[in-house]
Protein backbone atom coordinates (compact mmCIF):
# COMPACT_ATOMS: atom_id res chain seq x y z
CA UNK A 1 0.00 0.00 0.00
CA UNK A 2 2.81 2.35 0.95
CA UNK A 3 4.60 1.57 -2.32
CA UNK A 4 1.47 2.47 -4.34
CA UNK A 5 1.19 5.79 -2.51
CA UNK A 6 4.80 6.66 -3.32
CA UNK A 7 4.29 5.75 -6.99
CA UNK A 8 1.14 7.92 -7.18
CA UNK A 9 2.93 10.83 -5.54
CA UNK A 10 5.82 10.59 -8.01
CA UNK A 11 3.35 10.52 -10.92
CA UNK A 12 1.62 13.66 -9.70
CA UNK A 13 4.98 15.39 -9.24
CA UNK A 14 6.03 14.51 -12.79
CA UNK A 15 2.77 15.93 -14.16
CA UNK A 16 3.30 19.18 -12.25
CA UNK A 17 6.88 19.48 -13.48
CA UNK A 18 5.72 18.82 -17.06
CA UNK A 19 3.14 21.61 -16.80
CA UNK A 20 5.65 24.08 -15.38
CA UNK A 21 8.15 23.25 -18.13
CA UNK A 22 5.51 23.66 -20.84
CA UNK A 23 4.42 27.03 -19.42
CA UNK A 24 8.04 28.21 -19.26
CA UNK A 25 8.79 27.18 -22.82
CA UNK A 26 5.58 28.82 -24.03
CA UNK A 27 6.54 32.03 -22.22
CA UNK A 28 9.87 32.13 -24.05
CA UNK A 29 7.98 32.58 -27.33
CA UNK A 30 6.12 35.67 -26.12
CA UNK A 31 7.25 39.13 -27.32
CA UNK A 32 9.98 40.63 -25.16
CA UNK A 33 9.79 44.31 -24.26
CA UNK A 34 11.19 46.35 -27.11
CA UNK A 35 11.34 43.43 -29.57
CA UNK A 36 9.07 42.03 -32.27
CA UNK A 37 8.27 38.44 -33.16
CA UNK A 38 5.60 36.15 -34.56
CA UNK A 39 4.18 39.16 -36.49
CA UNK A 40 3.37 40.88 -33.21
CA UNK A 41 4.96 44.02 -31.82
CA UNK A 42 5.10 45.07 -28.19
CA UNK A 43 5.17 48.83 -27.59
CA UNK A 44 6.20 49.90 -24.10
CA UNK A 45 4.61 53.09 -22.77
CA UNK A 46 5.72 54.59 -19.47
CA UNK A 47 3.56 57.18 -17.72
CA UNK A 48 4.68 59.67 -15.08
CA UNK A 49 2.30 62.37 -13.74
CA UNK A 50 -0.83 63.25 -15.70
CA UNK A 51 -3.51 65.98 -15.50
CA UNK A 52 -6.69 64.88 -13.74
CA UNK A 53 -8.59 62.32 -15.82
CA UNK A 54 -5.84 61.92 -18.43
CA UNK A 55 -4.67 58.51 -17.20
CA UNK A 56 -8.11 57.01 -17.82
CA UNK A 57 -8.24 58.57 -21.29
CA UNK A 58 -4.82 57.13 -22.09
CA UNK A 59 -5.83 53.63 -21.00
CA UNK A 60 -9.00 53.77 -23.09
CA UNK A 61 -7.23 55.04 -26.20
CA UNK A 62 -4.38 52.54 -25.96
CA UNK A 63 -6.97 49.76 -25.88
CA UNK A 64 -8.67 51.30 -28.92
CA UNK A 65 -5.34 51.40 -30.76
CA UNK A 66 -4.74 47.73 -30.01
CA UNK A 67 -8.17 46.83 -31.38
CA UNK A 68 -7.42 48.72 -34.61
CA UNK A 69 -3.94 47.16 -34.89
CA UNK A 70 -4.28 43.42 -34.11
CA UNK A 71 -0.52 42.87 -34.45
CA UNK A 72 0.34 45.36 -31.70
CA UNK A 73 0.41 44.86 -27.93
CA UNK A 74 0.89 47.87 -25.64
CA UNK A 75 2.40 47.57 -22.17
CA UNK A 76 1.50 50.61 -20.02
CA UNK A 77 3.43 51.16 -16.82
CA UNK A 78 3.41 53.90 -14.15
CA UNK A 79 6.94 55.00 -13.23
CA UNK A 80 8.77 57.81 -11.45
CA UNK A 81 11.09 60.33 -13.06
CA UNK A 82 14.02 58.83 -11.14
CA UNK A 83 13.32 55.41 -12.61
CA UNK A 84 13.15 56.83 -16.11
CA UNK A 85 16.50 58.62 -15.85
CA UNK A 86 18.42 55.92 -13.94
CA UNK A 87 21.60 54.80 -15.75
CA UNK A 88 20.62 51.12 -15.89
CA UNK A 89 17.12 51.80 -17.26
CA UNK A 90 16.10 50.13 -20.52
CA UNK A 91 14.12 52.97 -22.07
CA UNK A 92 10.56 52.32 -23.30
CA UNK A 93 9.23 53.37 -26.69
CA UNK A 94 7.04 56.25 -25.45
CA UNK A 95 7.01 58.34 -22.27
CA UNK A 96 3.97 60.33 -21.07
CA UNK A 97 4.55 63.11 -18.54
CA UNK A 98 3.78 66.65 -17.43
CA UNK A 99 5.97 69.76 -17.65
CA UNK A 100 8.45 69.72 -14.79
CA UNK A 101 8.68 65.93 -14.51
CA UNK A 102 11.87 65.73 -16.59
CA UNK A 103 14.48 68.48 -16.38
CA UNK A 104 17.26 67.00 -18.53
CA UNK A 105 15.91 65.39 -21.72
CA UNK A 106 19.28 65.32 -23.52
CA UNK A 107 19.89 61.91 -25.02
CA UNK A 108 16.51 60.57 -23.92
CA UNK A 109 14.12 61.58 -26.70
CA UNK A 110 13.95 61.82 -30.47
CA UNK A 111 12.59 64.82 -32.44
CA UNK A 112 8.88 64.57 -33.28
CA UNK A 113 6.97 66.08 -36.17
CA UNK A 114 3.34 65.76 -37.22
CA UNK A 115 0.72 67.35 -39.43
CA UNK A 116 -2.08 67.68 -36.86
CA UNK A 117 -3.14 71.32 -36.24
CA UNK A 118 -1.74 71.56 -32.70
CA UNK A 119 -1.93 74.80 -30.68
CA UNK A 120 1.45 76.47 -31.25
CA UNK A 121 1.57 77.57 -27.60
CA UNK A 122 1.66 73.93 -26.49
CA UNK A 123 4.76 73.17 -28.57
CA UNK A 124 8.13 73.85 -27.01
CA UNK A 125 9.63 74.97 -30.34
CA UNK A 126 13.09 74.38 -31.72
CA UNK A 127 14.07 70.72 -31.64
CA UNK A 128 10.58 69.45 -30.84
CA UNK A 129 10.84 66.42 -28.53
CA UNK A 130 7.71 67.00 -26.38
CA UNK A 131 4.39 66.48 -28.16
CA UNK A 132 1.16 67.52 -26.36
CA UNK A 133 -1.78 65.11 -26.16
CA UNK A 134 -4.34 66.95 -23.99
CA UNK A 135 -4.57 69.70 -21.40
CA UNK A 136 -6.47 71.21 -18.49
CA UNK A 137 -6.41 74.77 -17.15
CA UNK A 138 -6.65 76.87 -13.98
CA UNK A 139 -9.91 78.62 -13.12
CA UNK A 140 -11.34 80.43 -10.11
CA UNK A 141 -14.15 78.75 -8.16
CA UNK A 142 -16.34 81.11 -6.10
CA UNK A 143 -18.55 79.80 -3.30
CA UNK A 144 -22.17 80.82 -3.93
CA UNK A 145 -22.49 81.87 -0.29
CA UNK A 146 -20.32 84.91 -1.11
CA UNK A 147 -21.56 85.44 -4.65
CA UNK A 148 -24.56 87.68 -5.45
CA UNK A 149 -24.87 85.94 -8.82
CA UNK A 150 -27.30 83.06 -9.14
CA UNK A 151 -25.00 80.06 -8.80
CA UNK A 152 -25.95 76.78 -10.37
CA UNK A 153 -23.79 73.69 -10.34
CA UNK A 154 -21.57 73.99 -13.42
CA UNK A 155 -21.56 70.86 -15.55
CA UNK A 156 -19.80 70.98 -18.93
CA UNK A 157 -21.80 69.66 -21.85
CA UNK A 158 -20.15 68.21 -24.92
CA UNK A 159 -20.24 69.25 -28.53
CA UNK A 160 -18.11 66.38 -29.86
CA UNK A 161 -16.14 68.16 -32.47
CA UNK A 162 -18.41 70.68 -34.14
CA UNK A 163 -16.62 73.79 -35.42
CA UNK A 164 -15.79 76.42 -32.84
CA UNK A 165 -18.12 78.86 -34.62
CA UNK A 166 -21.05 77.03 -33.02
CA UNK A 167 -20.00 78.18 -29.57
CA UNK A 168 -22.35 80.59 -27.88
CA UNK A 169 -21.42 84.29 -28.16
CA UNK A 170 -19.10 85.68 -25.54
CA UNK A 171 -20.75 87.46 -22.66
CA UNK A 172 -19.25 89.90 -20.17
CA UNK A 173 -18.48 87.77 -17.09
CA UNK A 174 -19.74 88.85 -13.70
CA UNK A 175 -17.15 90.49 -11.47
CA UNK A 176 -15.62 88.86 -8.44
CA UNK A 177 -17.71 89.54 -5.28
CA UNK A 178 -14.89 91.49 -3.63
CA UNK A 179 -16.75 93.05 -0.71
CA UNK A 180 -18.42 89.85 0.47
CA UNK A 181 -15.31 87.71 -0.06
CA UNK A 182 -13.12 90.15 1.88
CA UNK A 183 -15.42 89.70 4.87
CA UNK A 184 -14.54 85.99 4.99
CA UNK A 185 -11.69 84.62 7.09
CA UNK A 186 -10.01 83.52 3.86
CA UNK A 187 -11.16 85.41 0.76
CA UNK A 188 -8.93 83.58 -1.73
CA UNK A 189 -6.63 80.56 -1.85
CA UNK A 190 -4.30 79.66 -4.67
CA UNK A 191 -1.33 77.37 -5.16
CA UNK A 192 1.79 78.84 -6.74
CA UNK A 193 3.09 78.31 -10.25
CA UNK A 194 0.83 78.65 -13.29
CA UNK A 195 -2.23 79.23 -11.11
CA UNK A 196 -0.87 82.72 -10.42
CA UNK A 197 -0.64 83.54 -14.12
CA UNK A 198 -4.24 82.42 -14.56
CA UNK A 199 -5.33 84.43 -11.50
CA UNK A 200 -3.75 87.56 -12.95
CA UNK A 201 -5.72 87.08 -16.18
CA UNK A 202 -8.99 86.73 -14.23
CA UNK A 203 -8.39 89.91 -12.21
CA UNK A 204 -6.98 91.97 -15.08
CA UNK A 205 -9.68 94.64 -14.63
CA UNK A 206 -10.47 94.10 -10.93
CA UNK A 207 -8.81 94.56 -7.55
CA UNK A 208 -7.53 91.45 -5.82
CA UNK A 209 -9.20 90.33 -2.59
CA UNK A 210 -7.25 90.27 0.64
CA UNK A 211 -4.55 87.57 0.86
CA UNK A 212 -3.82 85.34 3.83
CA UNK A 213 -0.38 84.09 4.87
CA UNK A 214 -0.78 80.76 3.07
CA UNK A 215 -1.61 82.35 -0.29
CA UNK A 216 0.53 80.71 -3.01
CA UNK A 217 2.13 78.47 -0.39
CA UNK A 218 -0.12 75.41 -0.45
CA UNK A 219 -0.18 72.51 -2.93
CA UNK A 220 -3.13 72.24 -5.28
CA UNK A 221 -4.68 69.25 -3.49
CA UNK A 222 -4.74 71.15 -0.18
CA UNK A 223 -6.33 74.22 -1.79
CA UNK A 224 -9.01 72.00 -3.31
CA UNK A 225 -9.69 70.28 0.02
CA UNK A 226 -10.09 73.60 1.84
CA UNK A 227 -12.52 74.87 -0.77
CA UNK A 228 -14.56 71.66 -0.43
CA UNK A 229 -14.67 72.25 3.34
CA UNK A 230 -15.77 75.89 2.75
CA UNK A 231 -12.69 77.24 4.51
CA UNK A 232 -12.19 79.87 1.81
CA UNK A 233 -14.56 82.03 -0.22
CA UNK A 234 -12.81 81.26 -3.50
CA UNK A 235 -9.97 79.11 -4.79
CA UNK A 236 -7.88 78.58 -7.89
CA UNK A 237 -8.63 75.03 -9.02
CA UNK A 238 -7.67 72.91 -11.99
CA UNK A 239 -10.44 72.19 -14.46
CA UNK A 240 -10.16 68.55 -13.42
CA UNK A 241 -10.92 69.52 -9.81
CA UNK A 242 -13.90 71.59 -10.96
CA UNK A 243 -15.28 68.60 -12.86
CA UNK A 244 -14.80 66.38 -9.81
CA UNK A 245 -16.47 68.87 -7.44
CA UNK A 246 -19.35 69.44 -9.85
CA UNK A 247 -19.98 65.70 -9.65
CA UNK A 248 -19.97 65.82 -5.85
CA UNK A 249 -22.35 68.78 -5.87
CA UNK A 250 -24.72 67.00 -8.24
CA UNK A 251 -24.70 64.05 -5.84
CA UNK A 252 -25.60 66.32 -2.91
CA UNK A 253 -22.10 66.21 -1.38
CA UNK A 254 -20.94 69.69 -2.39
CA UNK A 255 -22.42 73.16 -2.81
CA UNK A 256 -23.21 75.55 -5.69
CA UNK A 257 -20.33 77.64 -6.98
CA UNK A 258 -19.42 79.82 -9.94
CA UNK A 259 -16.41 79.42 -12.20
CA UNK A 260 -14.44 82.42 -13.48
CA UNK A 261 -12.11 82.06 -16.49
CA UNK A 262 -9.27 84.29 -17.68
CA UNK A 263 -9.04 85.91 -21.10
CA UNK A 264 -6.16 83.61 -22.10
CA UNK A 265 -4.74 80.32 -20.83
CA UNK A 266 -1.38 79.69 -19.17
CA UNK A 267 -1.11 76.12 -17.98
CA UNK A 268 1.29 73.37 -17.03
CA UNK A 269 -1.65 70.94 -16.80
CA UNK A 270 -0.56 69.37 -20.08
CA UNK A 271 -0.03 65.71 -20.92
CA UNK A 272 3.13 65.51 -23.02
CA UNK A 273 4.54 62.59 -24.96
CA UNK A 274 8.03 61.80 -26.19
CA UNK A 275 9.57 59.03 -28.27
CA UNK A 276 12.66 57.51 -26.69
CA UNK A 277 15.94 56.93 -28.47
CA UNK A 278 15.88 53.46 -30.01
CA UNK A 279 12.08 53.25 -30.08
CA UNK A 280 10.27 51.11 -32.60
CA UNK A 281 8.67 52.63 -35.70
CA UNK A 282 5.18 52.07 -34.29
CA UNK A 283 5.75 54.69 -31.57
CA UNK A 284 5.24 57.61 -33.95
CA UNK A 285 2.07 56.05 -35.35
CA UNK A 286 0.70 55.64 -31.82
CA UNK A 287 1.18 59.34 -31.06
CA UNK A 288 -0.48 60.26 -34.36
CA UNK A 289 -3.46 58.16 -33.29
CA UNK A 290 -3.68 59.90 -29.90
CA UNK A 291 -3.98 63.36 -31.52
CA UNK A 292 -6.44 62.20 -34.18
CA UNK A 293 -9.94 63.69 -34.09
CA UNK A 294 -11.51 60.42 -32.94
CA UNK A 295 -9.20 60.03 -29.95
CA UNK A 296 -9.35 63.73 -29.04
CA UNK A 297 -13.16 63.75 -29.05
CA UNK A 298 -13.10 61.21 -26.21
CA UNK A 299 -11.46 63.76 -23.90
CA UNK A 300 -14.92 65.11 -23.04
CA UNK A 301 -15.54 62.06 -20.84
CA UNK A 302 -12.82 63.30 -18.47
CA UNK A 303 -13.52 67.03 -18.84
CA UNK A 304 -10.19 67.59 -20.62
CA UNK A 305 -9.40 69.77 -23.63
CA UNK A 306 -8.13 68.99 -27.11
CA UNK A 307 -4.69 70.05 -28.35
CA UNK A 308 -6.16 70.52 -31.84
CA UNK A 309 -7.01 74.05 -32.94
CA UNK A 310 -9.76 72.74 -35.22
CA UNK A 311 -11.68 70.86 -32.54
CA UNK A 312 -14.18 72.36 -30.06
CA UNK A 313 -15.66 69.95 -27.54
CA UNK A 314 -17.94 72.12 -25.38
CA UNK A 315 -20.87 74.27 -26.61
CA UNK A 316 -21.48 76.39 -23.51
CA UNK A 317 -20.63 76.98 -19.89
CA UNK A 318 -17.26 77.49 -18.24
CA UNK A 319 -15.60 74.75 -20.34
CA UNK A 320 -16.55 76.60 -23.53
CA UNK A 321 -15.10 79.78 -21.99
CA UNK A 322 -11.82 77.94 -21.42
CA UNK A 323 -11.76 76.83 -25.05
CA UNK A 324 -12.46 80.40 -26.20
CA UNK A 325 -9.64 81.70 -23.99
CA UNK A 326 -7.25 79.14 -25.51
CA UNK A 327 -8.13 80.35 -29.00
CA UNK A 328 -7.10 83.85 -27.99
CA UNK A 329 -3.81 82.52 -26.63
CA UNK A 330 -2.57 79.44 -24.81
CA UNK A 331 0.90 79.21 -23.30
CA UNK A 332 2.69 76.28 -21.71
CA UNK A 333 5.85 76.99 -19.69
CA UNK A 334 9.14 75.33 -20.61
CA UNK A 335 8.39 71.60 -20.60
CA UNK A 336 11.74 70.83 -18.98
CA UNK A 337 11.79 73.54 -16.33
CA UNK A 338 11.60 72.26 -12.76
CA UNK A 339 8.45 72.82 -10.71
CA UNK A 340 10.40 74.87 -8.18
CA UNK A 341 11.88 77.13 -10.88
CA UNK A 342 8.38 77.70 -12.26
CA UNK A 343 6.99 78.55 -8.81
CA UNK A 344 9.74 81.08 -8.17
CA UNK A 345 9.36 82.78 -11.54
CA UNK A 346 5.55 82.86 -11.31
CA UNK A 347 5.70 84.46 -7.85
CA UNK A 348 8.18 87.10 -9.02
CA UNK A 349 6.03 87.91 -12.06
CA UNK A 350 2.85 88.00 -10.00
CA UNK A 351 4.18 90.36 -7.36
């Protein structure tokens, strides 16, 4: 009996070892990162920071690209800037990032060119290695408790690519409720950096409210949290934060507020893309797909904005105002300037 048990155990062990060996050998025939085989190509895409909602858009569009190109597999991975620039790193084909993530691109990226009608202000010029895919902006959110205007929950509606001429005519925006806001403990909160440039555009013909000691000192997430808790009368928020808070308000977890938009757009809330040295030929085609009209139209699901000059996504409301401001002028700071350098320069210019 004992001998039969041993024989059975050995048989089971041999079956397990056979399965492991078969799986290993099968795995050796799969595409290796950066290589092609069996008529299939693996493109590696690394993603650093993204504007709010952009990561979901990227995932959706990469899946759409795979469906349209059956011979292509895309491996998307979230990494840090340190990992990307480490000496031993095997570079991917494409890197997605925001301005300030990478401060020394020399030797990392290849020049990029394309025929899509991209906003010139989102291109870094010269030897173009950073290609924009989408963007968000900075706007001022004003609590309705301090605002004499009738405040309804702002919810952007989509136009899905009709010409910009269908946008509603521009109207003179209501002024900031200076007297009521100044009576609050905290009239205005803003992070530093590009938010200050946007704030200056909003108050170009108005006096600023009173500042508190933490003005331009807090990170964006903290400013957003304080506005949600009604600890300030107004706050500079990203358009992604406005979309998120509008959803909370619609669900009964927020409060009515008004959005004020500047005459032009200055923003670092841009998703950039670059092709790494040694990348496969399919990398350029992937970026062309991401700035195509079909892919760009899907940005409305995340409340983001198109990099194409010929594409308007929103027919009315504050999102349409942002698009109109971008058509007057949109500026992105140096893509490879550090966040700290941007904060210092913005504060000097603002003061």
